[in-house]
Amino acid sequence: MAWIYNARMDSMLQRMSGIGFFSRLGETLPITAGVVAVRSLAEALRTIDTDGFEWMPTTLGDSDPFHGALPHPAELADARRELNRTLMRALSALDLPALRCGAHDLQLVARDGAMFAFRQRLLEMHLGLPAHWEPVLALYEQGHWPLAHAPGRLLVL
């Protein structure tokens, strides 16, 4: 089991190292079922208010919108810590005007959402759950921010 876990973790860390986080905010996305693409943070904020979207989770205590409440296995503590450290290094130096709108600066929200998504994907793999977080990670890999969700839909900047 340990060698499988290590291979999965190594694969996840390698995957994260190649991501240009938030590098394509506002750029056109290919038409994808279940993805509502917006071109600006202002448009995203309006869409959340009017179209029944909820913010993606950002903190450890938030519930998983796909799986509901999940356990936090002690055996994943070291892996989660390493994942968080790697993501913090990749995301902490970012300064993205596209994540500011008026008085709102959502850079920390975007960073924390990415961290939550990767932690949940690791948990899905560990628990053998369906890969609901995989499409979310794919959007991060494309340089976008999946910032909100509704049943069967993701709102993406």
Protein backbone atom coordinates (compact mmCIF):
# COMPACT_ATOMS: atom_id res chain seq x y z
CA MET A 1 0.00 0.00 0.00
CA ALA A 2 2.81 2.46 0.85
CA TRP A 3 4.42 2.21 -2.58
CA ILE A 4 1.06 2.92 -4.27
CA TYR A 5 0.51 5.88 -1.98
CA ASN A 6 4.01 7.24 -2.62
CA ALA A 7 3.56 6.87 -6.37
CA ARG A 8 0.22 8.69 -6.19
CA MET A 9 1.68 11.48 -4.09
CA ASP A 10 4.72 11.82 -6.35
CA SER A 11 2.40 11.95 -9.35
CA MET A 12 0.27 14.64 -7.69
CA LEU A 13 3.33 16.75 -6.76
CA GLN A 14 4.77 16.42 -10.26
CA ARG A 15 1.42 17.40 -11.74
CA MET A 16 1.26 20.53 -9.56
CA SER A 17 4.77 21.62 -10.49
CA GLY A 18 3.80 22.08 -14.13
CA ILE A 19 0.72 24.23 -13.56
CA GLY A 20 0.64 27.92 -14.49
CA PHE A 21 -1.94 28.74 -11.83
CA PHE A 22 -4.41 31.46 -12.86
CA SER A 23 -2.37 32.26 -15.99
CA ARG A 24 -5.39 32.28 -18.34
CA LEU A 25 -8.03 34.08 -16.28
CA GLY A 26 -10.63 35.63 -18.54
CA GLU A 27 -9.43 33.81 -21.65
CA THR A 28 -11.90 31.82 -23.67
CA LEU A 29 -12.51 28.26 -22.58
CA PRO A 30 -13.59 25.53 -24.98
CA ILE A 31 -17.29 24.84 -24.67
CA THR A 32 -17.57 22.12 -22.05
CA ALA A 33 -20.72 20.58 -20.60
CA GLY A 34 -21.31 21.79 -17.07
CA VAL A 35 -18.83 24.67 -17.29
CA VAL A 36 -20.08 28.26 -17.20
CA ALA A 37 -17.18 30.45 -18.29
CA VAL A 38 -16.94 34.14 -17.42
CA ARG A 39 -14.36 36.63 -18.64
CA SER A 40 -13.99 38.84 -15.55
CA LEU A 41 -14.22 38.74 -11.79
CA ALA A 42 -17.02 41.32 -11.91
CA GLU A 43 -19.03 39.03 -14.19
CA ALA A 44 -18.30 36.08 -11.90
CA LEU A 45 -19.54 37.96 -8.82
CA ARG A 46 -22.78 38.92 -10.64
CA THR A 47 -23.28 35.33 -11.81
CA ILE A 48 -22.81 33.95 -8.30
CA ASP A 49 -25.43 36.39 -7.01
CA THR A 50 -28.00 35.72 -9.74
CA ASP A 51 -27.57 32.15 -10.99
CA GLY A 52 -27.63 30.00 -7.85
CA PHE A 53 -23.90 29.33 -7.59
CA GLU A 54 -22.08 28.79 -4.30
CA TRP A 55 -18.41 29.51 -3.72
CA MET A 56 -16.10 26.52 -3.96
CA PRO A 57 -14.82 25.48 -0.53
CA THR A 58 -11.56 26.93 0.68
CA THR A 59 -10.91 25.77 4.24
CA LEU A 60 -10.33 22.40 5.84
CA GLY A 61 -13.63 22.64 7.72
CA ASP A 62 -15.71 23.27 4.57
CA SER A 63 -17.86 20.45 3.29
CA ASP A 64 -17.01 18.78 0.00
CA PRO A 65 -19.69 19.85 -2.54
CA PHE A 66 -19.39 16.55 -4.42
CA HIS A 67 -19.04 14.00 -1.62
CA GLY A 68 -20.36 15.78 1.48
CA ALA A 69 -18.55 15.38 4.78
CA LEU A 70 -15.51 13.13 4.47
CA PRO A 71 -13.08 11.77 7.05
CA HIS A 72 -9.60 13.21 7.39
CA PRO A 73 -7.49 10.05 7.72
CA ALA A 74 -4.48 10.48 9.98
CA GLU A 75 -2.34 8.54 7.52
CA LEU A 76 -2.75 11.40 5.01
CA ALA A 77 -1.49 14.12 7.38
CA ASP A 78 2.08 14.13 6.04
CA ALA A 79 0.92 14.01 2.43
CA ARG A 80 -1.53 16.87 2.97
CA ARG A 81 1.21 18.93 4.63
CA GLU A 82 3.58 18.33 1.69
CA LEU A 83 0.83 19.14 -0.78
CA ASN A 84 0.04 22.39 1.07
CA ARG A 85 3.73 23.38 1.22
CA THR A 86 4.18 22.76 -2.49
CA LEU A 87 1.07 24.74 -3.39
CA MET A 88 1.97 27.60 -1.05
CA ARG A 89 5.35 27.91 -2.78
CA ALA A 90 3.67 27.95 -6.19
CA LEU A 91 0.87 30.33 -5.27
CA SER A 92 2.20 32.75 -2.64
CA ALA A 93 4.17 34.99 -4.99
CA LEU A 94 1.31 35.53 -7.42
CA ASP A 95 0.02 39.07 -7.90
CA LEU A 96 -3.01 38.92 -10.15
CA PRO A 97 -4.98 42.08 -10.93
CA ALA A 98 -7.65 39.86 -12.55
CA LEU A 99 -8.50 38.62 -9.03
CA ARG A 100 -9.33 42.15 -7.85
CA CYS A 101 -12.62 43.89 -8.44
CA GLY A 102 -13.35 47.17 -6.69
CA ALA A 103 -12.79 46.64 -2.97
CA HIS A 104 -12.59 42.86 -3.43
CA ASP A 105 -9.21 41.13 -3.57
CA LEU A 106 -9.81 37.41 -4.00
CA GLN A 107 -6.23 36.20 -4.39
CA LEU A 108 -6.30 34.36 -1.05
CA VAL A 109 -9.68 32.84 -1.86
CA ALA A 110 -8.35 31.61 -5.21
CA ARG A 111 -5.22 30.18 -3.60
CA ASP A 112 -7.13 28.47 -0.81
CA GLY A 113 -9.65 27.06 -3.30
CA ALA A 114 -6.83 25.49 -5.32
CA MET A 115 -5.34 24.00 -2.17
CA PHE A 116 -8.71 22.57 -1.13
CA ALA A 117 -9.25 21.03 -4.58
CA PHE A 118 -5.89 19.26 -4.61
CA ARG A 119 -6.34 18.00 -1.04
CA GLN A 120 -9.77 16.63 -1.92
CA ARG A 121 -8.48 14.90 -5.04
CA LEU A 122 -5.81 13.23 -2.91
CA LEU A 123 -8.53 12.16 -0.47
CA GLU A 124 -10.69 10.81 -3.33
CA MET A 125 -7.80 8.67 -4.53
CA HIS A 126 -7.03 7.46 -1.01
CA LEU A 127 -10.65 6.53 -0.26
CA GLY A 128 -11.37 5.09 -3.72
CA LEU A 129 -14.13 7.63 -4.40
CA PRO A 130 -15.32 8.77 -7.83
CA ALA A 131 -12.99 11.41 -9.31
CA HIS A 132 -15.33 14.41 -9.01
CA TRP A 133 -12.39 16.73 -8.28
CA GLU A 134 -10.49 15.69 -11.43
CA PRO A 135 -12.34 18.12 -13.77
CA VAL A 136 -11.71 20.90 -11.24
CA LEU A 137 -7.98 20.14 -11.24
CA ALA A 138 -8.01 20.06 -15.04
CA LEU A 139 -9.38 23.62 -15.06
CA TYR A 140 -6.57 24.75 -12.74
CA GLU A 141 -4.10 23.02 -15.09
CA GLN A 142 -5.52 25.07 -17.96
CA GLY A 143 -4.78 28.26 -16.00
CA HIS A 144 -8.36 29.02 -14.97
CA TRP A 145 -10.11 29.41 -11.64
CA PRO A 146 -13.16 27.23 -10.90
CA LEU A 147 -14.55 29.56 -8.26
CA ALA A 148 -18.13 28.42 -7.71
CA HIS A 149 -20.43 25.45 -8.15
CA ALA A 150 -24.10 24.63 -8.58
CA PRO A 151 -25.67 21.22 -9.17
CA GLY A 152 -23.99 19.89 -12.31
CA ARG A 153 -22.19 23.17 -13.06
CA LEU A 154 -18.90 24.93 -12.35
CA LEU A 155 -18.40 28.68 -12.70
CA VAL A 156 -14.95 29.33 -14.16
CA LEU A 157 -12.91 32.50 -14.65
